[in-house]
PDB file of N, CA and C in Angstrom:
ATOM      1  N   UNK A   1     -19.185  -8.627   5.637  1.00  0.00           N
ATOM      2  CA  UNK A   1     -18.159  -8.256   6.195  1.00  0.00           C
ATOM      3  C   UNK A   1     -18.276  -6.726   6.691  1.00  0.00           C
ATOM      4  N   UNK A   2     -18.773  -5.667   5.642  1.00  0.00           N
ATOM      5  CA  UNK A   2     -18.664  -4.744   6.103  1.00  0.00           C
ATOM      6  C   UNK A   2     -19.005  -4.127   6.889  1.00  0.00           C
ATOM      7  N   UNK A   3     -20.281  -4.882   7.437  1.00  0.00           N
ATOM      8  CA  UNK A   3     -21.292  -4.056   8.546  1.00  0.00           C
ATOM      9  C   UNK A   3     -19.852  -4.637  10.026  1.00  0.00           C
ATOM     10  N   UNK A   4     -19.442  -5.738   9.776  1.00  0.00           N
ATOM     11  CA  UNK A   4     -18.579  -6.019  10.870  1.00  0.00           C
ATOM     12  C   UNK A   4     -17.333  -5.308  10.965  1.00  0.00           C
ATOM     13  N   UNK A   5     -16.753  -4.669  10.003  1.00  0.00           N
ATOM     14  CA  UNK A   5     -15.393  -3.649  10.262  1.00  0.00           C
ATOM     15  C   UNK A   5     -15.881  -2.363  10.354  1.00  0.00           C
ATOM     16  N   UNK A   6     -16.966  -1.736  10.157  1.00  0.00           N
ATOM     17  CA  UNK A   6     -17.522  -0.593  10.512  1.00  0.00           C
ATOM     18  C   UNK A   6     -17.938  -0.932  11.959  1.00  0.00           C
ATOM     19  N   UNK A   7     -18.646  -2.269  12.610  1.00  0.00           N
ATOM     20  CA  UNK A   7     -18.770  -1.941  13.962  1.00  0.00           C
ATOM     21  C   UNK A   7     -17.698  -2.096  14.896  1.00  0.00           C
ATOM     22  N   UNK A   8     -16.793  -2.906  14.150  1.00  0.00           N
ATOM     23  CA  UNK A   8     -15.204  -2.708  15.134  1.00  0.00           C
ATOM     24  C   UNK A   8     -14.808  -1.057  14.780  1.00  0.00           C
ATOM     25  N   UNK A   9     -14.816  -0.698  14.044  1.00  0.00           N
ATOM     26  CA  UNK A   9     -14.143   1.039  14.074  1.00  0.00           C
ATOM     27  C   UNK A   9     -15.327   1.503  14.894  1.00  0.00           C
ATOM     28  N   UNK A  10     -16.495   1.355  15.160  1.00  0.00           N
ATOM     29  CA  UNK A  10     -17.550   1.708  16.227  1.00  0.00           C
ATOM     30  C   UNK A  10     -16.908   1.730  17.215  1.00  0.00           C
ATOM     31  N   UNK A  11     -16.669   0.353  17.983  1.00  0.00           N
ATOM     32  CA  UNK A  11     -16.101   0.130  19.580  1.00  0.00           C
ATOM     33  C   UNK A  11     -15.015   0.706  19.566  1.00  0.00           C
ATOM     34  N   UNK A  12     -14.179   0.538  18.843  1.00  0.00           N
ATOM     35  CA  UNK A  12     -13.118   1.584  19.194  1.00  0.00           C
ATOM     36  C   UNK A  12     -12.881   2.604  19.282  1.00  0.00           C
ATOM     37  N   UNK A  13     -13.926   3.402  18.859  1.00  0.00           N
ATOM     38  CA  UNK A  13     -14.149   5.204  18.821  1.00  0.00           C
ATOM     39  C   UNK A  13     -15.082   5.460  20.119  1.00  0.00           C
ATOM     40  N   UNK A  14     -15.837   4.217  20.411  1.00  0.00           N
ATOM     41  CA  UNK A  14     -16.487   4.467  21.757  1.00  0.00           C
ATOM     42  C   UNK A  14     -15.538   4.229  23.003  1.00  0.00           C
ATOM     43  N   UNK A  15     -14.469   3.133  22.415  1.00  0.00           N
ATOM     44  CA  UNK A  15     -13.459   2.831  23.717  1.00  0.00           C
ATOM     45  C   UNK A  15     -12.510   4.025  23.854  1.00  0.00           C
ATOM     46  N   UNK A  16     -12.221   4.986  22.834  1.00  0.00           N
ATOM     47  CA  UNK A  16     -11.148   5.509  23.042  1.00  0.00           C
ATOM     48  C   UNK A  16     -11.615   6.964  22.096  1.00  0.00           C
ATOM     49  N   UNK A  17     -12.211   7.795  22.602  1.00  0.00           N
ATOM     50  CA  UNK A  17     -12.375   9.373  22.499  1.00  0.00           C
ATOM     51  C   UNK A  17     -11.856   9.996  21.684  1.00  0.00           C
ATOM     52  N   UNK A  18     -10.791   9.777  21.728  1.00  0.00           N
ATOM     53  CA  UNK A  18      -9.146  10.620  21.144  1.00  0.00           C
ATOM     54  C   UNK A  18      -9.707  10.263  19.752  1.00  0.00           C
ATOM     55  N   UNK A  19      -9.910   9.100  19.628  1.00  0.00           N
ATOM     56  CA  UNK A  19     -10.085   9.193  17.820  1.00  0.00           C
ATOM     57  C   UNK A  19     -11.332   9.575  17.209  1.00  0.00           C
ATOM     58  N   UNK A  20     -12.139  10.088  17.802  1.00  0.00           N
ATOM     59  CA  UNK A  20     -13.659  10.929  17.297  1.00  0.00           C
ATOM     60  C   UNK A  20     -13.297  12.783  17.581  1.00  0.00           C
ATOM     61  N   UNK A  21     -12.077  12.980  17.953  1.00  0.00           N
ATOM     62  CA  UNK A  21     -11.837  14.508  17.917  1.00  0.00           C
ATOM     63  C   UNK A  21     -10.743  14.801  17.214  1.00  0.00           C
ATOM     64  N   UNK A  22     -10.953  16.160  16.810  1.00  0.00           N
ATOM     65  CA  UNK A  22      -9.461  16.377  15.927  1.00  0.00           C
ATOM     66  C   UNK A  22      -8.426  16.142  16.634  1.00  0.00           C
ATOM     67  N   UNK A  23      -7.268  15.917  15.853  1.00  0.00           N
ATOM     68  CA  UNK A  23      -6.246  15.868  16.706  1.00  0.00           C
ATOM     69  C   UNK A  23      -5.560  16.788  16.901  1.00  0.00           C
ATOM     70  N   UNK A  24      -5.009  17.299  18.331  1.00  0.00           N
ATOM     71  CA  UNK A  24      -3.980  18.049  18.437  1.00  0.00           C
ATOM     72  C   UNK A  24      -2.663  18.112  18.942  1.00  0.00           C
ATOM     73  N   UNK A  25      -1.886  16.835  18.250  1.00  0.00           N
ATOM     74  CA  UNK A  25      -0.833  16.225  17.817  1.00  0.00           C
ATOM     75  C   UNK A  25      -0.022  16.647  16.661  1.00  0.00           C
ATOM     76  N   UNK A  26       1.599  16.284  16.579  1.00  0.00           N
ATOM     77  CA  UNK A  26       2.180  16.487  15.642  1.00  0.00           C
ATOM     78  C   UNK A  26       2.172  15.094  14.575  1.00  0.00           C
ATOM     79  N   UNK A  27       1.948  15.292  13.754  1.00  0.00           N
ATOM     80  CA  UNK A  27       1.951  14.133  12.725  1.00  0.00           C
ATOM     81  C   UNK A  27       2.731  12.807  13.123  1.00  0.00           C
ATOM     82  N   UNK A  28       4.238  12.930  13.818  1.00  0.00           N
ATOM     83  CA  UNK A  28       4.525  11.900  14.249  1.00  0.00           C
ATOM     84  C   UNK A  28       4.153  11.197  15.258  1.00  0.00           C
ATOM     85  N   UNK A  29       3.368  12.109  16.012  1.00  0.00           N
ATOM     86  CA  UNK A  29       2.440  11.416  17.305  1.00  0.00           C
ATOM     87  C   UNK A  29       1.134  10.393  16.958  1.00  0.00           C
ATOM     88  N   UNK A  30       0.375  11.676  15.964  1.00  0.00           N
ATOM     89  CA  UNK A  30      -1.165  10.668  15.279  1.00  0.00           C
ATOM     90  C   UNK A  30      -0.589   9.430  14.593  1.00  0.00           C
ATOM     91  N   UNK A  31       0.281   9.269  14.005  1.00  0.00           N
ATOM     92  CA  UNK A  31       0.292   8.145  13.213  1.00  0.00           C
ATOM     93  C   UNK A  31       0.471   7.176  14.075  1.00  0.00           C
ATOM     94  N   UNK A  32       0.825   7.144  15.257  1.00  0.00           N
ATOM     95  CA  UNK A  32       1.275   6.263  16.452  1.00  0.00           C
ATOM     96  C   UNK A  32       0.025   5.791  17.462  1.00  0.00           C
ATOM     97  N   UNK A  33      -0.676   6.662  17.262  1.00  0.00           N
ATOM     98  CA  UNK A  33      -2.186   6.525  18.024  1.00  0.00           C
ATOM     99  C   UNK A  33      -3.043   5.528  17.360  1.00  0.00           C
ATOM    100  N   UNK A  34      -3.612   5.179  16.412  1.00  0.00           N
ATOM    101  CA  UNK A  34      -4.280   4.083  15.839  1.00  0.00           C
ATOM    102  C   UNK A  34      -3.144   2.741  16.033  1.00  0.00           C
ATOM    103  N   UNK A  35      -2.169   2.550  15.915  1.00  0.00           N
ATOM    104  CA  UNK A  35      -1.455   0.812  16.109  1.00  0.00           C
ATOM    105  C   UNK A  35      -1.537   1.196  17.846  1.00  0.00           C
ATOM    106  N   UNK A  36      -1.163   1.895  18.520  1.00  0.00           N
ATOM    107  CA  UNK A  36      -1.326   1.807  19.827  1.00  0.00           C
ATOM    108  C   UNK A  36      -2.743   1.380  20.434  1.00  0.00           C
ATOM    109  N   UNK A  37      -3.862   1.952  20.065  1.00  0.00           N
ATOM    110  CA  UNK A  37      -4.850   1.561  20.748  1.00  0.00           C
ATOM    111  C   UNK A  37      -5.198   0.453  20.294  1.00  0.00           C
ATOM    112  N   UNK A  38      -4.846  -0.343  19.313  1.00  0.00           N
ATOM    113  CA  UNK A  38      -5.242  -1.100  18.423  1.00  0.00           C
ATOM    114  C   UNK A  38      -4.375  -2.387  19.299  1.00  0.00           C
ATOM    115  N   UNK A  39      -3.316  -1.806  20.059  1.00  0.00           N
ATOM    116  CA  UNK A  39      -2.463  -3.247  20.461  1.00  0.00           C
ATOM    117  C   UNK A  39      -3.224  -3.193  21.973  1.00  0.00           C
ATOM    118  N   UNK A  40      -3.725  -1.763  22.604  1.00  0.00           N
ATOM    119  CA  UNK A  40      -4.483  -1.725  24.050  1.00  0.00           C
ATOM    120  C   UNK A  40      -5.296  -2.570  23.824  1.00  0.00           C
ATOM    121  N   UNK A  41      -6.186  -2.694  22.705  1.00  0.00           N
ATOM    122  CA  UNK A  41      -7.686  -3.089  22.980  1.00  0.00           C
ATOM    123  C   UNK A  41      -7.198  -4.609  22.666  1.00  0.00           C
ATOM    124  N   UNK A  42      -6.067  -5.261  21.480  1.00  0.00           N
ATOM    125  CA  UNK A  42      -6.067  -6.581  21.841  1.00  0.00           C
ATOM    126  C   UNK A  42      -5.659  -6.999  22.876  1.00  0.00           C
ATOM    127  N   UNK A  43      -5.116  -6.227  23.859  1.00  0.00           N
ATOM    128  CA  UNK A  43      -4.190  -6.701  25.001  1.00  0.00           C
ATOM    129  C   UNK A  43      -5.277  -6.915  25.855  1.00  0.00           C
ATOM    130  N   UNK A  44      -6.154  -5.974  26.046  1.00  0.00           N
ATOM    131  CA  UNK A  44      -7.494  -6.051  26.719  1.00  0.00           C
ATOM    132  C   UNK A  44      -8.201  -7.189  26.837  1.00  0.00           C
ATOM    133  N   UNK A  45      -8.237  -7.696  25.135  1.00  0.00           N
ATOM    134  CA  UNK A  45      -9.365  -9.293  25.018  1.00  0.00           C
ATOM    135  C   UNK A  45      -8.442 -10.208  25.546  1.00  0.00           C
ATOM    136  N   UNK A  46      -6.996 -10.113  25.172  1.00  0.00           N
ATOM    137  CA  UNK A  46      -6.527 -11.170  25.196  1.00  0.00           C
ATOM    138  C   UNK A  46      -6.707 -11.465  26.815  1.00  0.00           C
ATOM    139  N   UNK A  47      -6.272 -10.538  27.393  1.00  0.00           N
ATOM    140  CA  UNK A  47      -6.376 -10.488  29.615  1.00  0.00           C
ATOM    141  C   UNK A  47      -7.906 -10.592  30.118  1.00  0.00           C
ATOM    142  N   UNK A  48      -8.752 -10.068  29.386  1.00  0.00           N
ATOM    143  CA  UNK A  48      -9.872 -10.187  29.734  1.00  0.00           C
ATOM    144  C   UNK A  48     -10.991 -10.233  28.485  1.00  0.00           C
ATOM    145  N   UNK A  49     -11.245 -11.543  28.080  1.00  0.00           N
ATOM    146  CA  UNK A  49     -12.190 -11.661  26.862  1.00  0.00           C
ATOM    147  C   UNK A  49     -13.801 -10.927  27.258  1.00  0.00           C
ATOM    148  N   UNK A  50     -14.469 -10.731  28.304  1.00  0.00           N
ATOM    149  CA  UNK A  50     -15.086 -10.536  28.788  1.00  0.00           C
ATOM    150  C   UNK A  50     -15.595  -8.995  28.467  1.00  0.00           C
ATOM    151  N   UNK A  51     -14.529  -8.454  28.245  1.00  0.00           N
ATOM    152  CA  UNK A  51     -14.401  -6.583  28.367  1.00  0.00           C
ATOM    153  C   UNK A  51     -14.919  -6.545  27.046  1.00  0.00           C
ATOM    154  N   UNK A  52     -14.755  -6.816  25.848  1.00  0.00           N
ATOM    155  CA  UNK A  52     -15.922  -6.596  24.942  1.00  0.00           C
ATOM    156  C   UNK A  52     -17.280  -6.775  25.031  1.00  0.00           C
ATOM    157  N   UNK A  53     -17.622  -8.015  25.558  1.00  0.00           N
ATOM    158  CA  UNK A  53     -19.186  -7.800  25.683  1.00  0.00           C
ATOM    159  C   UNK A  53     -19.759  -7.100  26.731  1.00  0.00           C
ATOM    160  N   UNK A  54     -18.790  -7.007  27.950  1.00  0.00           N
ATOM    161  CA  UNK A  54     -19.468  -5.493  28.397  1.00  0.00           C
ATOM    162  C   UNK A  54     -19.403  -4.253  28.052  1.00  0.00           C
ATOM    163  N   UNK A  55     -18.374  -3.992  27.367  1.00  0.00           N
ATOM    164  CA  UNK A  55     -18.452  -2.585  26.232  1.00  0.00           C
ATOM    165  C   UNK A  55     -19.462  -2.285  25.608  1.00  0.00           C
ATOM    166  N   UNK A  56     -20.034  -3.681  24.625  1.00  0.00           N
ATOM    167  CA  UNK A  56     -21.160  -3.832  23.623  1.00  0.00           C
ATOM    168  C   UNK A  56     -22.094  -3.615  24.524  1.00  0.00           C
ATOM    169  N   UNK A  57     -22.226  -4.163  25.665  1.00  0.00           N
ATOM    170  CA  UNK A  57     -23.393  -4.219  26.631  1.00  0.00           C
ATOM    171  C   UNK A  57     -23.814  -2.742  27.225  1.00  0.00           C
ATOM    172  N   UNK A  58     -22.652  -1.939  27.583  1.00  0.00           N
ATOM    173  CA  UNK A  58     -22.759  -0.769  28.038  1.00  0.00           C
ATOM    174  C   UNK A  58     -22.941   0.481  27.425  1.00  0.00           C
ATOM    175  N   UNK A  59     -22.231   0.354  25.985  1.00  0.00           N
ATOM    176  CA  UNK A  59     -22.224   1.060  25.424  1.00  0.00           C
ATOM    177  C   UNK A  59     -23.651   2.096  24.415  1.00  0.00           C
ATOM    178  N   UNK A  60     -23.646   2.933  24.346  1.00  0.00           N
ATOM    179  CA  UNK A  60     -24.896   3.634  23.475  1.00  0.00           C
ATOM    180  C   UNK A  60     -24.386   3.538  22.055  1.00  0.00           C
ATOM    181  N   UNK A  61     -24.901   2.798  21.043  1.00  0.00           N
ATOM    182  CA  UNK A  61     -24.487   3.169  19.640  1.00  0.00           C
ATOM    183  C   UNK A  61     -25.530   4.129  18.904  1.00  0.00           C
ATOM    184  N   UNK A  62     -25.165   4.403  18.148  1.00  0.00           N
ATOM    185  CA  UNK A  62     -25.528   5.513  17.370  1.00  0.00           C
ATOM    186  C   UNK A  62     -27.146   4.505  16.450  1.00  0.00           C
ATOM    187  N   UNK A  63     -28.135   5.208  17.027  1.00  0.00           N
ATOM    188  CA  UNK A  63     -29.611   4.334  16.544  1.00  0.00           C
ATOM    189  C   UNK A  63     -29.727   4.611  14.982  1.00  0.00           C
ATOM    190  N   UNK A  64     -29.307   6.041  14.594  1.00  0.00           N
ATOM    191  CA  UNK A  64     -28.968   6.488  13.201  1.00  0.00           C
ATOM    192  C   UNK A  64     -29.071   5.578  12.266  1.00  0.00           C
ATOM    193  N   UNK A  65     -27.647   4.775  12.497  1.00  0.00           N
ATOM    194  CA  UNK A  65     -27.259   3.539  11.594  1.00  0.00           C
ATOM    195  C   UNK A  65     -28.239   2.806  11.304  1.00  0.00           C
ATOM    196  N   UNK A  66     -29.350   2.038  11.978  1.00  0.00           N
ATOM    197  CA  UNK A  66     -30.244   1.262  11.639  1.00  0.00           C
ATOM    198  C   UNK A  66     -29.297   0.037  11.819  1.00  0.00           C
ATOM    199  N   UNK A  67     -27.841  -0.679  12.445  1.00  0.00           N
ATOM    200  CA  UNK A  67     -27.725  -1.689  12.643  1.00  0.00           C
ATOM    201  C   UNK A  67     -27.943  -2.437  13.824  1.00  0.00           C
ATOM    202  N   UNK A  68     -28.318  -3.782  13.948  1.00  0.00           N
ATOM    203  CA  UNK A  68     -28.016  -4.369  15.028  1.00  0.00           C
ATOM    204  C   UNK A  68     -26.504  -4.641  15.871  1.00  0.00           C
ATOM    205  N   UNK A  69     -26.275  -4.476  16.664  1.00  0.00           N
ATOM    206  CA  UNK A  69     -25.038  -5.443  17.280  1.00  0.00           C
ATOM    207  C   UNK A  69     -24.803  -7.055  16.544  1.00  0.00           C
ATOM    208  N   UNK A  70     -23.717  -7.156  16.425  1.00  0.00           N
ATOM    209  CA  UNK A  70     -23.458  -8.340  15.942  1.00  0.00           C
ATOM    210  C   UNK A  70     -22.969  -9.188  17.228  1.00  0.00           C
ATOM    211  N   UNK A  71     -23.409 -10.660  16.815  1.00  0.00           N
ATOM    212  CA  UNK A  71     -23.489 -11.548  18.076  1.00  0.00           C
ATOM    213  C   UNK A  71     -21.887 -11.745  18.361  1.00  0.00           C
ATOM    214  N   UNK A  72     -21.865 -11.503  19.792  1.00  0.00           N
ATOM    215  CA  UNK A  72     -20.688 -11.992  20.351  1.00  0.00           C
ATOM    216  C   UNK A  72     -19.728 -12.756  19.833  1.00  0.00           C
ATOM    217  N   UNK A  73     -20.082 -13.769  19.442  1.00  0.00           N
ATOM    218  CA  UNK A  73     -19.360 -14.972  18.950  1.00  0.00           C
ATOM    219  C   UNK A  73     -18.975 -14.990  17.833  1.00  0.00           C
ATOM    220  N   UNK A  74     -19.256 -13.699  16.878  1.00  0.00           N
ATOM    221  CA  UNK A  74     -18.699 -12.995  15.667  1.00  0.00           C
ATOM    222  C   UNK A  74     -17.477 -12.958  15.428  1.00  0.00           C
ATOM    223  N   UNK A  75     -16.867 -12.212  16.593  1.00  0.00           N
ATOM    224  CA  UNK A  75     -15.499 -11.825  16.724  1.00  0.00           C
ATOM    225  C   UNK A  75     -14.121 -12.821  16.584  1.00  0.00           C
ATOM    226  N   UNK A  76     -13.546 -12.293  16.038  1.00  0.00           N
ATOM    227  CA  UNK A  76     -12.738 -13.104  15.908  1.00  0.00           C
ATOM    228  C   UNK A  76     -11.702 -13.144  17.175  1.00  0.00           C
ATOM    229  N   UNK A  77     -10.656 -14.176  17.353  1.00  0.00           N
ATOM    230  CA  UNK A  77      -9.852 -14.231  18.882  1.00  0.00           C
ATOM    231  C   UNK A  77      -8.442 -13.358  17.962  1.00  0.00           C
ATOM    232  N   UNK A  78      -7.930 -13.762  19.369  1.00  0.00           N
ATOM    233  CA  UNK A  78      -6.330 -12.909  18.931  1.00  0.00           C
ATOM    234  C   UNK A  78      -5.454 -14.701  18.039  1.00  0.00           C
ATOM    235  N   UNK A  79      -4.792 -14.300  17.484  1.00  0.00           N
ATOM    236  CA  UNK A  79      -4.290 -14.876  16.826  1.00  0.00           C
ATOM    237  C   UNK A  79      -2.898 -15.803  18.007  1.00  0.00           C
ATOM    238  N   UNK A  80      -2.405 -16.936  17.663  1.00  0.00           N
ATOM    239  CA  UNK A  80      -1.354 -17.943  18.041  1.00  0.00           C
ATOM    240  C   UNK A  80      -0.369 -17.800  17.903  1.00  0.00           C
ATOM    241  N   UNK A  81      -0.238 -16.622  17.145  1.00  0.00           N
ATOM    242  CA  UNK A  81       1.717 -16.939  16.517  1.00  0.00           C
ATOM    243  C   UNK A  81       1.078 -16.499  15.025  1.00  0.00           C
ATOM    244  N   UNK A  82       2.643 -15.992  14.143  1.00  0.00           N
ATOM    245  CA  UNK A  82       2.289 -15.737  12.628  1.00  0.00           C
ATOM    246  C   UNK A  82       1.209 -16.562  11.842  1.00  0.00           C
ATOM    247  N   UNK A  83       1.118 -15.949  10.733  1.00  0.00           N
ATOM    248  CA  UNK A  83       0.069 -17.073  10.057  1.00  0.00           C
ATOM    249  C   UNK A  83       0.558 -17.804   9.195  1.00  0.00           C
ATOM    250  N   UNK A  84      -0.095 -19.189   9.288  1.00  0.00           N
ATOM    251  CA  UNK A  84       0.959 -20.132   8.148  1.00  0.00           C
ATOM    252  C   UNK A  84       1.081 -20.127   7.313  1.00  0.00           C
ATOM    253  N   UNK A  85       1.302 -20.907   6.373  1.00  0.00           N
ATOM    254  CA  UNK A  85       1.607 -20.154   4.686  1.00  0.00           C
ATOM    255  C   UNK A  85       0.213 -20.357   4.356  1.00  0.00           C
ATOM    256  N   UNK A  86      -0.741 -21.740   4.604  1.00  0.00           N
ATOM    257  CA  UNK A  86      -2.235 -21.758   4.188  1.00  0.00           C
ATOM    258  C   UNK A  86      -2.499 -20.604   4.181  1.00  0.00           C
ATOM    259  N   UNK A  87      -2.911 -19.951   5.661  1.00  0.00           N
ATOM    260  CA  UNK A  87      -3.574 -18.985   6.178  1.00  0.00           C
ATOM    261  C   UNK A  87      -3.304 -17.755   5.242  1.00  0.00           C
ATOM    262  N   UNK A  88      -1.972 -17.665   5.214  1.00  0.00           N
ATOM    263  CA  UNK A  88      -1.639 -16.304   4.089  1.00  0.00           C
ATOM    264  C   UNK A  88      -1.926 -16.136   2.644  1.00  0.00           C
ATOM    265  N   UNK A  89      -2.054 -17.615   2.057  1.00  0.00           N
ATOM    266  CA  UNK A  89      -2.629 -17.950   0.520  1.00  0.00           C
ATOM    267  C   UNK A  89      -4.140 -17.605   1.079  1.00  0.00           C
ATOM    268  N   UNK A  90      -4.638 -18.170   1.699  1.00  0.00           N
ATOM    269  CA  UNK A  90      -6.011 -17.837   1.756  1.00  0.00           C
ATOM    270  C   UNK A  90      -6.415 -16.303   2.046  1.00  0.00           C
ATOM    271  N   UNK A  91      -5.740 -15.548   2.420  1.00  0.00           N
ATOM    272  CA  UNK A  91      -5.694 -14.297   3.043  1.00  0.00           C
ATOM    273  C   UNK A  91      -5.738 -13.500   1.542  1.00  0.00           C
ATOM    274  N   UNK A  92      -4.890 -13.937   1.012  1.00  0.00           N
ATOM    275  CA  UNK A  92      -4.147 -13.298  -0.203  1.00  0.00           C
ATOM    276  C   UNK A  92      -5.262 -13.507  -1.569  1.00  0.00           C
ATOM    277  N   UNK A  93      -5.748 -14.524  -1.583  1.00  0.00           N
ATOM    278  CA  UNK A  93      -6.635 -15.056  -2.387  1.00  0.00           C
ATOM    279  C   UNK A  93      -8.059 -14.259  -2.156  1.00  0.00           C
ATOM    280  N   UNK A  94      -8.599 -14.155  -1.166  1.00  0.00           N
ATOM    281  CA  UNK A  94      -9.353 -13.452  -0.625  1.00  0.00           C
ATOM    282  C   UNK A  94      -9.064 -11.837  -1.014  1.00  0.00           C
ATOM    283  N   UNK A  95      -8.049 -11.233  -0.554  1.00  0.00           N
ATOM    284  CA  UNK A  95      -7.705 -10.086  -0.695  1.00  0.00           C
ATOM    285  C   UNK A  95      -8.068  -9.991  -2.469  1.00  0.00           C
ATOM    286  N   UNK A  96      -7.138 -10.945  -3.036  1.00  0.00           N
ATOM    287  CA  UNK A  96      -7.468 -10.507  -4.631  1.00  0.00           C
ATOM    288  C   UNK A  96      -8.860 -10.678  -5.005  1.00  0.00           C
ATOM    289  N   UNK A  97      -9.479 -11.422  -5.166  1.00  0.00           N
ATOM    290  CA  UNK A  97     -11.005 -11.590  -5.103  1.00  0.00           C
ATOM    291  C   UNK A  97     -11.736 -10.430  -4.844  1.00  0.00           C
ATOM    292  N   UNK A  98     -11.379  -9.502  -3.530  1.00  0.00           N
ATOM    293  CA  UNK A  98     -12.119  -8.325  -3.120  1.00  0.00           C
ATOM    294  C   UNK A  98     -11.483  -6.876  -4.127  1.00  0.00           C
ATOM    295  N   UNK A  99     -10.345  -7.217  -4.601  1.00  0.00           N
ATOM    296  CA  UNK A  99      -9.793  -6.464  -5.260  1.00  0.00           C
ATOM    297  C   UNK A  99     -10.494  -6.337  -6.997  1.00  0.00           C
ATOM    298  N   UNK A 100     -10.624  -7.526  -7.062  1.00  0.00           N
ATOM    299  CA  UNK A 100     -10.889  -7.687  -8.570  1.00  0.00           C
ATOM    300  C   UNK A 100     -12.429  -7.712  -8.759  1.00  0.00           C
ATOM    301  N   UNK A 101     -13.344  -7.495  -7.624  1.00  0.00           N
ATOM    302  CA  UNK A 101     -14.877  -7.206  -7.494  1.00  0.00           C
ATOM    303  C   UNK A 101     -14.793  -6.189  -7.578  1.00  0.00           C
ATOM    304  N   UNK A 102     -13.937  -5.232  -6.467  1.00  0.00           N
ATOM    305  CA  UNK A 102     -13.861  -3.584  -6.790  1.00  0.00           C
ATOM    306  C   UNK A 102     -13.529  -3.226  -8.262  1.00  0.00           C
ATOM    307  N   UNK A 103     -12.716  -3.657  -8.706  1.00  0.00           N
ATOM    308  CA  UNK A 103     -11.994  -3.014 -10.258  1.00  0.00           C
ATOM    309  C   UNK A 103     -13.398  -3.509 -10.966  1.00  0.00           C
ATOM    310  N   UNK A 104     -14.135  -4.635 -11.194  1.00  0.00           N
ATOM    311  CA  UNK A 104     -15.172  -4.884 -11.880  1.00  0.00           C
ATOM    312  C   UNK A 104     -16.324  -3.706 -11.703  1.00  0.00           C
ATOM    313  N   UNK A 105     -16.989  -3.579 -10.476  1.00  0.00           N
ATOM    314  CA  UNK A 105     -17.712  -2.627 -10.235  1.00  0.00           C
ATOM    315  C   UNK A 105     -17.394  -1.081 -10.856  1.00  0.00           C
ATOM    316  N   UNK A 106     -16.398  -0.853 -10.514  1.00  0.00           N
ATOM    317  CA  UNK A 106     -15.508   0.946 -10.890  1.00  0.00           C
ATOM    318  C   UNK A 106     -15.648   0.337 -12.504  1.00  0.00           C
ATOM    319  N   UNK A 107     -15.363  -0.458 -13.397  1.00  0.00           N
ATOM    320  CA  UNK A 107     -15.594  -0.432 -14.841  1.00  0.00           C
ATOM    321  C   UNK A 107     -16.999  -0.633 -15.138  1.00  0.00           C
ATOM    322  N   UNK A 108     -17.615  -1.022 -14.490  1.00  0.00           N
ATOM    323  CA  UNK A 108     -19.167  -1.313 -14.883  1.00  0.00           C
ATOM    324  C   UNK A 108     -19.783   0.190 -14.465  1.00  0.00           C
ATOM    325  N   UNK A 109     -19.064   1.118 -13.296  1.00  0.00           N
ATOM    326  CA  UNK A 109     -19.564   2.455 -13.154  1.00  0.00           C
ATOM    327  C   UNK A 109     -19.381   3.256 -14.084  1.00  0.00           C
ATOM    328  N   UNK A 110     -17.934   3.481 -14.653  1.00  0.00           N
ATOM    329  CA  UNK A 110     -16.846   4.106 -15.706  1.00  0.00           C
ATOM    330  C   UNK A 110     -18.593   3.693 -17.086  1.00  0.00           C
ATOM    331  N   UNK A 111     -18.758   2.389 -17.170  1.00  0.00           N
ATOM    332  CA  UNK A 111     -19.157   2.379 -18.418  1.00  0.00           C
ATOM    333  C   UNK A 111     -20.704   3.105 -18.454  1.00  0.00           C
ATOM    334  N   UNK A 112     -21.754   2.943 -16.942  1.00  0.00           N
ATOM    335  CA  UNK A 112     -22.860   3.376 -16.782  1.00  0.00           C
ATOM    336  C   UNK A 112     -22.407   4.933 -17.373  1.00  0.00           C
ATOM    337  N   UNK A 113     -21.509   5.720 -16.836  1.00  0.00           N
ATOM    338  CA  UNK A 113     -21.297   7.023 -16.386  1.00  0.00           C
ATOM    339  C   UNK A 113     -20.732   7.616 -18.205  1.00  0.00           C
ATOM    340  N   UNK A 114     -20.678   6.825 -19.013  1.00  0.00           N
ATOM    341  CA  UNK A 114     -20.057   6.915 -20.531  1.00  0.00           C
ATOM    342  C   UNK A 114     -18.808   7.348 -20.285  1.00  0.00           C
ATOM    343  N   UNK A 115     -18.335   6.951 -19.544  1.00  0.00           N
ATOM    344  CA  UNK A 115     -16.646   7.675 -19.368  1.00  0.00           C
ATOM    345  C   UNK A 115     -16.192   5.996 -19.754  1.00  0.00           C
ATOM    346  N   UNK A 116     -16.006   5.050 -20.509  1.00  0.00           N
ATOM    347  CA  UNK A 116     -15.348   4.308 -20.666  1.00  0.00           C
ATOM    348  C   UNK A 116     -15.593   4.224 -22.384  1.00  0.00           C
TER     349      UNK A 116
END
């Protein structure tokens, strides 16, 4: 999962170089840029689904990462509307599992460092 999230950030940064440069805008403008670019990305995927394949095929990715590009079929699609209560419950359960795992790993780290 982490690999996919990192790859998504890589794709978005390759598409919009503005995300790789120091910001030269006021903070009230800076906070609007990532959501606007995410909306544009989703719009492009909705109206030109082949665009992501073209982008991935035509972009040069950092070879030092040692990561292969994921299969295009592993990318999720756009939602057809608001999540159902079952989808929301499943997402909340997953979030809680991730948080619990992170907490347990942190507690283990504290213990190995003698800080607990």
